[in-house]
PDB file of N, CA and C in Angstrom:
ATOM      1  N   MET A   1       0.856  -1.181   0.000  1.00  0.00           N
ATOM      2  CA  MET A   1       0.000   0.000   0.000  1.00  0.00           C
ATOM      3  C   MET A   1       0.901   1.242   0.000  1.00  0.00           C
ATOM      4  N   TYR A   2       0.603   2.156  -0.904  1.00  0.00           N
ATOM      5  CA  TYR A   2       1.322   3.424  -0.992  1.00  0.00           C
ATOM      6  C   TYR A   2       0.403   4.557  -0.581  1.00  0.00           C
ATOM      7  N   LEU A   3       0.932   5.483   0.181  1.00  0.00           N
ATOM      8  CA  LEU A   3       0.194   6.652   0.638  1.00  0.00           C
ATOM      9  C   LEU A   3       0.899   7.894   0.124  1.00  0.00           C
ATOM     10  N   GLY A   4       0.136   8.901  -0.218  1.00  0.00           N
ATOM     11  CA  GLY A   4       0.717  10.143  -0.705  1.00  0.00           C
ATOM     12  C   GLY A   4       0.000  11.345  -0.134  1.00  0.00           C
ATOM     13  N   THR A   5       0.735  12.430  -0.054  1.00  0.00           N
ATOM     14  CA  THR A   5       0.186  13.715   0.350  1.00  0.00           C
ATOM     15  C   THR A   5       0.333  14.651  -0.837  1.00  0.00           C
ATOM     16  N   MET A   6      -0.757  15.301  -1.230  1.00  0.00           N
ATOM     17  CA  MET A   6      -0.716  16.199  -2.379  1.00  0.00           C
ATOM     18  C   MET A   6      -1.401  17.516  -2.044  1.00  0.00           C
ATOM     19  N   ARG A   7      -1.101  18.542  -2.866  1.00  0.00           N
ATOM     20  CA  ARG A   7      -1.756  19.839  -2.732  1.00  0.00           C
ATOM     21  C   ARG A   7      -1.827  20.492  -4.104  1.00  0.00           C
ATOM     22  N   PRO A   8      -2.709  21.481  -4.259  1.00  0.00           N
ATOM     23  CA  PRO A   8      -2.781  22.190  -5.535  1.00  0.00           C
ATOM     24  C   PRO A   8      -1.461  22.911  -5.815  1.00  0.00           C
ATOM     25  N   SER A   9      -1.061  22.972  -7.077  1.00  0.00           N
ATOM     26  CA  SER A   9       0.196  23.641  -7.434  1.00  0.00           C
ATOM     27  C   SER A   9      -0.062  25.031  -8.015  1.00  0.00           C
ATOM     28  N   GLU A  10      -1.179  25.610  -7.671  1.00  0.00           N
ATOM     29  CA  GLU A  10      -1.588  26.916  -8.188  1.00  0.00           C
ATOM     30  C   GLU A  10      -0.642  28.030  -7.751  1.00  0.00           C
ATOM     31  N   THR A  11      -0.371  28.948  -8.659  1.00  0.00           N
ATOM     32  CA  THR A  11       0.381  30.161  -8.333  1.00  0.00           C
ATOM     33  C   THR A  11      -0.407  31.363  -8.842  1.00  0.00           C
ATOM     34  N   GLN A  12      -0.140  32.503  -8.231  1.00  0.00           N
ATOM     35  CA  GLN A  12      -0.724  33.777  -8.660  1.00  0.00           C
ATOM     36  C   GLN A  12       0.380  34.812  -8.670  1.00  0.00           C
ATOM     37  N   ALA A  13       0.268  35.789  -9.546  1.00  0.00           N
ATOM     38  CA  ALA A  13       1.259  36.862  -9.618  1.00  0.00           C
ATOM     39  C   ALA A  13       0.541  38.202  -9.632  1.00  0.00           C
ATOM     40  N   VAL A  14       1.193  39.204  -9.048  1.00  0.00           N
ATOM     41  CA  VAL A  14       0.639  40.556  -9.016  1.00  0.00           C
ATOM     42  C   VAL A  14       1.791  41.546  -9.194  1.00  0.00           C
ATOM     43  N   ASP A  15       1.566  42.591  -9.989  1.00  0.00           N
ATOM     44  CA  ASP A  15       2.572  43.629 -10.203  1.00  0.00           C
ATOM     45  C   ASP A  15       2.443  44.685  -9.120  1.00  0.00           C
ATOM     46  N   LEU A  16       3.594  45.130  -8.602  1.00  0.00           N
ATOM     47  CA  LEU A  16       3.630  46.103  -7.516  1.00  0.00           C
ATOM     48  C   LEU A  16       4.567  47.252  -7.871  1.00  0.00           C
ATOM     49  N   THR A  17       4.327  48.414  -7.277  1.00  0.00           N
ATOM     50  CA  THR A  17       5.204  49.575  -7.428  1.00  0.00           C
ATOM     51  C   THR A  17       5.399  50.192  -6.054  1.00  0.00           C
ATOM     52  N   GLY A  18       6.620  50.649  -5.783  1.00  0.00           N
ATOM     53  CA  GLY A  18       6.910  51.287  -4.505  1.00  0.00           C
ATOM     54  C   GLY A  18       8.188  52.096  -4.592  1.00  0.00           C
ATOM     55  N   ASN A  19       8.506  52.765  -3.497  1.00  0.00           N
ATOM     56  CA  ASN A  19       9.697  53.611  -3.457  1.00  0.00           C
ATOM     57  C   ASN A  19      10.849  52.998  -2.684  1.00  0.00           C
ATOM     58  N   SER A  20      10.639  51.818  -2.077  1.00  0.00           N
ATOM     59  CA  SER A  20      11.710  51.140  -1.337  1.00  0.00           C
ATOM     60  C   SER A  20      11.418  49.641  -1.307  1.00  0.00           C
ATOM     61  N   LEU A  21      12.436  48.876  -0.942  1.00  0.00           N
ATOM     62  CA  LEU A  21      12.241  47.431  -0.812  1.00  0.00           C
ATOM     63  C   LEU A  21      11.211  47.118   0.264  1.00  0.00           C
ATOM     64  N   GLU A  22      11.237  47.881   1.343  1.00  0.00           N
ATOM     65  CA  GLU A  22      10.292  47.668   2.435  1.00  0.00           C
ATOM     66  C   GLU A  22       8.860  47.925   1.971  1.00  0.00           C
ATOM     67  N   GLU A  23       8.684  48.952   1.152  1.00  0.00           N
ATOM     68  CA  GLU A  23       7.348  49.282   0.641  1.00  0.00           C
ATOM     69  C   GLU A  23       6.841  48.186  -0.307  1.00  0.00           C
ATOM     70  N   ILE A  24       7.728  47.682  -1.143  1.00  0.00           N
ATOM     71  CA  ILE A  24       7.357  46.589  -2.053  1.00  0.00           C
ATOM     72  C   ILE A  24       6.970  45.355  -1.241  1.00  0.00           C
ATOM     73  N   HIS A  25       7.772  45.020  -0.230  1.00  0.00           N
ATOM     74  CA  HIS A  25       7.485  43.843   0.602  1.00  0.00           C
ATOM     75  C   HIS A  25       6.152  44.012   1.327  1.00  0.00           C
ATOM     76  N   ALA A  26       5.911  45.181   1.886  1.00  0.00           N
ATOM     77  CA  ALA A  26       4.648  45.434   2.586  1.00  0.00           C
ATOM     78  C   ALA A  26       3.465  45.322   1.624  1.00  0.00           C
ATOM     79  N   ALA A  27       3.619  45.822   0.414  1.00  0.00           N
ATOM     80  CA  ALA A  27       2.545  45.734  -0.578  1.00  0.00           C
ATOM     81  C   ALA A  27       2.292  44.281  -0.972  1.00  0.00           C
ATOM     82  N   ALA A  28       3.358  43.497  -1.088  1.00  0.00           N
ATOM     83  CA  ALA A  28       3.199  42.077  -1.427  1.00  0.00           C
ATOM     84  C   ALA A  28       2.458  41.345  -0.316  1.00  0.00           C
ATOM     85  N   ILE A  29       2.830  41.594   0.922  1.00  0.00           N
ATOM     86  CA  ILE A  29       2.168  40.947   2.060  1.00  0.00           C
ATOM     87  C   ILE A  29       0.703  41.382   2.130  1.00  0.00           C
ATOM     88  N   ALA A  30       0.426  42.644   1.830  1.00  0.00           N
ATOM     89  CA  ALA A  30      -0.955  43.130   1.854  1.00  0.00           C
ATOM     90  C   ALA A  30      -1.815  42.462   0.780  1.00  0.00           C
ATOM     91  N   ARG A  31      -1.204  42.043  -0.319  1.00  0.00           N
ATOM     92  CA  ARG A  31      -1.943  41.409  -1.427  1.00  0.00           C
ATOM     93  C   ARG A  31      -1.928  39.883  -1.348  1.00  0.00           C
ATOM     94  N   LEU A  32      -1.327  39.331  -0.304  1.00  0.00           N
ATOM     95  CA  LEU A  32      -1.200  37.887  -0.140  1.00  0.00           C
ATOM     96  C   LEU A  32      -2.572  37.232   0.011  1.00  0.00           C
ATOM     97  N   PRO A  33      -2.958  36.374  -0.948  1.00  0.00           N
ATOM     98  CA  PRO A  33      -4.259  35.710  -0.837  1.00  0.00           C
ATOM     99  C   PRO A  33      -4.258  34.671   0.293  1.00  0.00           C
ATOM    100  N   ALA A  34      -5.414  34.419   0.867  1.00  0.00           N
ATOM    101  CA  ALA A  34      -5.538  33.389   1.907  1.00  0.00           C
ATOM    102  C   ALA A  34      -5.148  32.035   1.323  1.00  0.00           C
ATOM    103  N   GLY A  35      -4.365  31.271   2.066  1.00  0.00           N
ATOM    104  CA  GLY A  35      -3.951  29.946   1.632  1.00  0.00           C
ATOM    105  C   GLY A  35      -2.718  29.945   0.748  1.00  0.00           C
ATOM    106  N   PHE A  36      -2.082  31.092   0.567  1.00  0.00           N
ATOM    107  CA  PHE A  36      -0.888  31.212  -0.267  1.00  0.00           C
ATOM    108  C   PHE A  36       0.284  31.724   0.555  1.00  0.00           C
ATOM    109  N   GLU A  37       1.507  31.549   0.008  1.00  0.00           N
ATOM    110  CA  GLU A  37       2.697  32.143   0.595  1.00  0.00           C
ATOM    111  C   GLU A  37       3.437  32.905  -0.495  1.00  0.00           C
ATOM    112  N   LEU A  38       4.177  33.933  -0.094  1.00  0.00           N
ATOM    113  CA  LEU A  38       4.976  34.711  -1.026  1.00  0.00           C
ATOM    114  C   LEU A  38       6.238  33.923  -1.331  1.00  0.00           C
ATOM    115  N   VAL A  39       6.504  33.646  -2.620  1.00  0.00           N
ATOM    116  CA  VAL A  39       7.691  32.871  -2.976  1.00  0.00           C
ATOM    117  C   VAL A  39       8.757  33.710  -3.649  1.00  0.00           C
ATOM    118  N   SER A  40       8.382  34.810  -4.298  1.00  0.00           N
ATOM    119  CA  SER A  40       9.389  35.703  -4.874  1.00  0.00           C
ATOM    120  C   SER A  40       8.764  37.043  -5.211  1.00  0.00           C
ATOM    121  N   ALA A  41       9.618  38.063  -5.260  1.00  0.00           N
ATOM    122  CA  ALA A  41       9.197  39.403  -5.658  1.00  0.00           C
ATOM    123  C   ALA A  41      10.432  40.151  -6.152  1.00  0.00           C
ATOM    124  N   PRO A  42      10.993  39.727  -7.294  1.00  0.00           N
ATOM    125  CA  PRO A  42      12.183  40.407  -7.805  1.00  0.00           C
ATOM    126  C   PRO A  42      11.867  41.862  -8.155  1.00  0.00           C
ATOM    127  N   VAL A  43      12.786  42.740  -7.794  1.00  0.00           N
ATOM    128  CA  VAL A  43      12.574  44.182  -7.928  1.00  0.00           C
ATOM    129  C   VAL A  43      13.413  44.730  -9.084  1.00  0.00           C
ATOM    130  N   GLN A  44      12.834  45.676  -9.819  1.00  0.00           N
ATOM    131  CA  GLN A  44      13.545  46.389 -10.877  1.00  0.00           C
ATOM    132  C   GLN A  44      13.343  47.882 -10.679  1.00  0.00           C
ATOM    133  N   MET A  45      14.352  48.653 -11.054  1.00  0.00           N
ATOM    134  CA  MET A  45      14.240  50.110 -10.987  1.00  0.00           C
ATOM    135  C   MET A  45      13.577  50.612 -12.261  1.00  0.00           C
ATOM    136  N   ILE A  46      12.757  51.643 -12.112  1.00  0.00           N
ATOM    137  CA  ILE A  46      12.116  52.276 -13.256  1.00  0.00           C
ATOM    138  C   ILE A  46      13.071  53.341 -13.791  1.00  0.00           C
ATOM    139  N   LYS A  47      13.386  53.260 -15.064  1.00  0.00           N
ATOM    140  CA  LYS A  47      14.330  54.203 -15.672  1.00  0.00           C
ATOM    141  C   LYS A  47      13.821  55.640 -15.538  1.00  0.00           C
ATOM    142  N   GLY A  48      14.698  56.529 -15.075  1.00  0.00           N
ATOM    143  CA  GLY A  48      14.356  57.929 -14.924  1.00  0.00           C
ATOM    144  C   GLY A  48      13.500  58.234 -13.713  1.00  0.00           C
ATOM    145  N   SER A  49      13.418  57.294 -12.757  1.00  0.00           N
ATOM    146  CA  SER A  49      12.576  57.475 -11.580  1.00  0.00           C
ATOM    147  C   SER A  49      13.232  56.802 -10.371  1.00  0.00           C
ATOM    148  N   THR A  50      12.805  57.175  -9.205  1.00  0.00           N
ATOM    149  CA  THR A  50      13.293  56.507  -7.996  1.00  0.00           C
ATOM    150  C   THR A  50      12.380  55.355  -7.586  1.00  0.00           C
ATOM    151  N   ALA A  51      11.300  55.176  -8.326  1.00  0.00           N
ATOM    152  CA  ALA A  51      10.331  54.116  -8.009  1.00  0.00           C
ATOM    153  C   ALA A  51      10.868  52.744  -8.413  1.00  0.00           C
ATOM    154  N   LEU A  52      10.350  51.720  -7.749  1.00  0.00           N
ATOM    155  CA  LEU A  52      10.700  50.335  -8.023  1.00  0.00           C
ATOM    156  C   LEU A  52       9.445  49.593  -8.462  1.00  0.00           C
ATOM    157  N   THR A  53       9.629  48.571  -9.289  1.00  0.00           N
ATOM    158  CA  THR A  53       8.522  47.690  -9.649  1.00  0.00           C
ATOM    159  C   THR A  53       8.920  46.267  -9.288  1.00  0.00           C
ATOM    160  N   ALA A  54       7.921  45.450  -9.063  1.00  0.00           N
ATOM    161  CA  ALA A  54       8.165  44.040  -8.756  1.00  0.00           C
ATOM    162  C   ALA A  54       6.955  43.233  -9.191  1.00  0.00           C
ATOM    163  N   THR A  55       7.209  41.984  -9.509  1.00  0.00           N
ATOM    164  CA  THR A  55       6.123  41.042  -9.742  1.00  0.00           C
ATOM    165  C   THR A  55       6.183  40.022  -8.613  1.00  0.00           C
ATOM    166  N   ALA A  56       5.222  40.095  -7.712  1.00  0.00           N
ATOM    167  CA  ALA A  56       5.168  39.173  -6.580  1.00  0.00           C
ATOM    168  C   ALA A  56       4.490  37.883  -7.032  1.00  0.00           C
ATOM    169  N   THR A  57       5.103  36.748  -6.698  1.00  0.00           N
ATOM    170  CA  THR A  57       4.540  35.447  -7.026  1.00  0.00           C
ATOM    171  C   THR A  57       4.148  34.743  -5.738  1.00  0.00           C
ATOM    172  N   PHE A  58       2.909  34.269  -5.697  1.00  0.00           N
ATOM    173  CA  PHE A  58       2.369  33.563  -4.540  1.00  0.00           C
ATOM    174  C   PHE A  58       2.083  32.120  -4.931  1.00  0.00           C
ATOM    175  N   ARG A  59       2.362  31.178  -4.024  1.00  0.00           N
ATOM    176  CA  ARG A  59       2.102  29.755  -4.263  1.00  0.00           C
ATOM    177  C   ARG A  59       1.116  29.242  -3.223  1.00  0.00           C
ATOM    178  N   ARG A  60       0.134  28.444  -3.684  1.00  0.00           N
ATOM    179  CA  ARG A  60      -0.869  27.873  -2.777  1.00  0.00           C
ATOM    180  C   ARG A  60      -0.207  26.867  -1.839  1.00  0.00           C
ATOM    181  N   VAL A  61      -0.540  26.938  -0.555  1.00  0.00           N
ATOM    182  CA  VAL A  61       0.008  26.004   0.430  1.00  0.00           C
ATOM    183  C   VAL A  61      -1.077  25.286   1.227  1.00  0.00           C
ATOM    184  N   ASP A  62      -2.341  25.579   0.949  1.00  0.00           N
ATOM    185  CA  ASP A  62      -3.414  24.870   1.657  1.00  0.00           C
ATOM    186  C   ASP A  62      -4.047  23.839   0.725  1.00  0.00           C
ATOM    187  N   GLY A  63      -5.085  23.189   1.160  1.00  0.00           N
ATOM    188  CA  GLY A  63      -5.773  22.210   0.338  1.00  0.00           C
ATOM    189  C   GLY A  63      -5.088  20.859   0.290  1.00  0.00           C
ATOM    190  N   ILE A  64      -4.295  20.548   1.301  1.00  0.00           N
ATOM    191  CA  ILE A  64      -3.565  19.276   1.337  1.00  0.00           C
ATOM    192  C   ILE A  64      -4.549  18.119   1.482  1.00  0.00           C
ATOM    193  N   ARG A  65      -4.311  17.071   0.684  1.00  0.00           N
ATOM    194  CA  ARG A  65      -5.148  15.859   0.727  1.00  0.00           C
ATOM    195  C   ARG A  65      -4.277  14.622   0.733  1.00  0.00           C
ATOM    196  N   GLU A  66      -4.806  13.565   1.321  1.00  0.00           N
ATOM    197  CA  GLU A  66      -4.128  12.267   1.354  1.00  0.00           C
ATOM    198  C   GLU A  66      -4.741  11.362   0.285  1.00  0.00           C
ATOM    199  N   ILE A  67      -3.904  10.571  -0.373  1.00  0.00           N
ATOM    200  CA  ILE A  67      -4.388   9.581  -1.335  1.00  0.00           C
ATOM    201  C   ILE A  67      -3.682   8.262  -1.054  1.00  0.00           C
ATOM    202  N   GLU A  68      -4.256   7.174  -1.530  1.00  0.00           N
ATOM    203  CA  GLU A  68      -3.626   5.862  -1.356  1.00  0.00           C
ATOM    204  C   GLU A  68      -3.883   4.996  -2.582  1.00  0.00           C
ATOM    205  N   ALA A  69      -2.964   4.055  -2.814  1.00  0.00           N
ATOM    206  CA  ALA A  69      -3.078   3.139  -3.945  1.00  0.00           C
ATOM    207  C   ALA A  69      -2.250   1.894  -3.648  1.00  0.00           C
ATOM    208  N   ASP A  70      -2.458   0.862  -4.466  1.00  0.00           N
ATOM    209  CA  ASP A  70      -1.751  -0.407  -4.262  1.00  0.00           C
ATOM    210  C   ASP A  70      -0.301  -0.373  -4.724  1.00  0.00           C
ATOM    211  N   ASP A  71       0.022   0.480  -5.719  1.00  0.00           N
ATOM    212  CA  ASP A  71       1.405   0.573  -6.186  1.00  0.00           C
ATOM    213  C   ASP A  71       1.733   2.018  -6.564  1.00  0.00           C
ATOM    214  N   ARG A  72       3.019   2.275  -6.845  1.00  0.00           N
ATOM    215  CA  ARG A  72       3.468   3.638  -7.141  1.00  0.00           C
ATOM    216  C   ARG A  72       2.779   4.208  -8.377  1.00  0.00           C
ATOM    217  N   ALA A  73       2.709   3.419  -9.431  1.00  0.00           N
ATOM    218  CA  ALA A  73       2.110   3.903 -10.676  1.00  0.00           C
ATOM    219  C   ALA A  73       0.663   4.316 -10.458  1.00  0.00           C
ATOM    220  N   ALA A  74      -0.067   3.532  -9.703  1.00  0.00           N
ATOM    221  CA  ALA A  74      -1.471   3.846  -9.423  1.00  0.00           C
ATOM    222  C   ALA A  74      -1.581   5.116  -8.573  1.00  0.00           C
ATOM    223  N   LEU A  75      -0.641   5.295  -7.647  1.00  0.00           N
ATOM    224  CA  LEU A  75      -0.654   6.493  -6.807  1.00  0.00           C
ATOM    225  C   LEU A  75      -0.398   7.728  -7.663  1.00  0.00           C
ATOM    226  N   PHE A  76       0.626   7.677  -8.529  1.00  0.00           N
ATOM    227  CA  PHE A  76       0.927   8.809  -9.398  1.00  0.00           C
ATOM    228  C   PHE A  76      -0.247   9.096 -10.341  1.00  0.00           C
ATOM    229  N   ALA A  77      -0.942   8.066 -10.771  1.00  0.00           N
ATOM    230  CA  ALA A  77      -2.095   8.245 -11.658  1.00  0.00           C
ATOM    231  C   ALA A  77      -3.241   8.963 -10.948  1.00  0.00           C
ATOM    232  N   LYS A  78      -3.289   8.910  -9.636  1.00  0.00           N
ATOM    233  CA  LYS A  78      -4.355   9.562  -8.872  1.00  0.00           C
ATOM    234  C   LYS A  78      -4.099  11.052  -8.640  1.00  0.00           C
ATOM    235  N   VAL A  79      -2.904  11.531  -8.964  1.00  0.00           N
ATOM    236  CA  VAL A  79      -2.588  12.955  -8.782  1.00  0.00           C
ATOM    237  C   VAL A  79      -3.135  13.710  -9.994  1.00  0.00           C
ATOM    238  N   PRO A  80      -4.174  14.520  -9.801  1.00  0.00           N
ATOM    239  CA  PRO A  80      -4.783  15.212 -10.945  1.00  0.00           C
ATOM    240  C   PRO A  80      -3.909  16.349 -11.466  1.00  0.00           C
ATOM    241  N   ALA A  81      -4.188  16.781 -12.680  1.00  0.00           N
ATOM    242  CA  ALA A  81      -3.488  17.933 -13.253  1.00  0.00           C
ATOM    243  C   ALA A  81      -3.710  19.140 -12.342  1.00  0.00           C
ATOM    244  N   GLY A  82      -2.672  19.936 -12.167  1.00  0.00           N
ATOM    245  CA  GLY A  82      -2.783  21.109 -11.303  1.00  0.00           C
ATOM    246  C   GLY A  82      -2.511  20.817  -9.837  1.00  0.00           C
ATOM    247  N   TRP A  83      -2.092  19.585  -9.544  1.00  0.00           N
ATOM    248  CA  TRP A  83      -1.742  19.191  -8.177  1.00  0.00           C
ATOM    249  C   TRP A  83      -0.313  18.658  -8.182  1.00  0.00           C
ATOM    250  N   GLN A  84       0.340  18.700  -7.023  1.00  0.00           N
ATOM    251  CA  GLN A  84       1.682  18.129  -6.898  1.00  0.00           C
ATOM    252  C   GLN A  84       1.738  17.178  -5.719  1.00  0.00           C
ATOM    253  N   LEU A  85       2.486  16.111  -5.908  1.00  0.00           N
ATOM    254  CA  LEU A  85       2.683  15.132  -4.848  1.00  0.00           C
ATOM    255  C   LEU A  85       3.797  15.632  -3.942  1.00  0.00           C
ATOM    256  N   LEU A  86       3.502  15.821  -2.670  1.00  0.00           N
ATOM    257  CA  LEU A  86       4.473  16.346  -1.716  1.00  0.00           C
ATOM    258  C   LEU A  86       5.259  15.233  -1.030  1.00  0.00           C
ATOM    259  N   GLU A  87       4.591  14.119  -0.808  1.00  0.00           N
ATOM    260  CA  GLU A  87       5.210  13.042  -0.031  1.00  0.00           C
ATOM    261  C   GLU A  87       4.667  11.707  -0.511  1.00  0.00           C
ATOM    262  N   LEU A  88       5.549  10.715  -0.549  1.00  0.00           N
ATOM    263  CA  LEU A  88       5.185   9.342  -0.914  1.00  0.00           C
ATOM    264  C   LEU A  88       5.745   8.425   0.151  1.00  0.00           C
ATOM    265  N   ARG A  89       4.899   7.538   0.686  1.00  0.00           N
ATOM    266  CA  ARG A  89       5.349   6.619   1.732  1.00  0.00           C
ATOM    267  C   ARG A  89       4.610   5.292   1.577  1.00  0.00           C
ATOM    268  N   THR A  90       5.154   4.268   2.195  1.00  0.00           N
ATOM    269  CA  THR A  90       4.502   2.962   2.172  1.00  0.00           C
ATOM    270  C   THR A  90       3.886   2.685   3.529  1.00  0.00           C
ATOM    271  N   ALA A  91       2.841   1.876   3.510  1.00  0.00           N
ATOM    272  CA  ALA A  91       2.162   1.530   4.763  1.00  0.00           C
ATOM    273  C   ALA A  91       2.387   0.071   5.084  1.00  0.00           C
TER     274      ALA A  91
END
């Protein structure tokens, strides 16, 4: 018997503008959707300005589910599109 833990692999992105790294980070945290975590927010300077832009990327971390199957192939077949297998173990 194989057991697996899976979750949705959904990501979301949002464009941000600010005048400092702290402002960009605060804006990203303010836009953080429920059930997601901030995974990146690379910053670029705007030419001819002191402003910064960033694209914040959020990854879903909730919605974890357990699945089970008789063999590895069957377990992998049970992982639907848009989901990722986090853990595989035997019982």
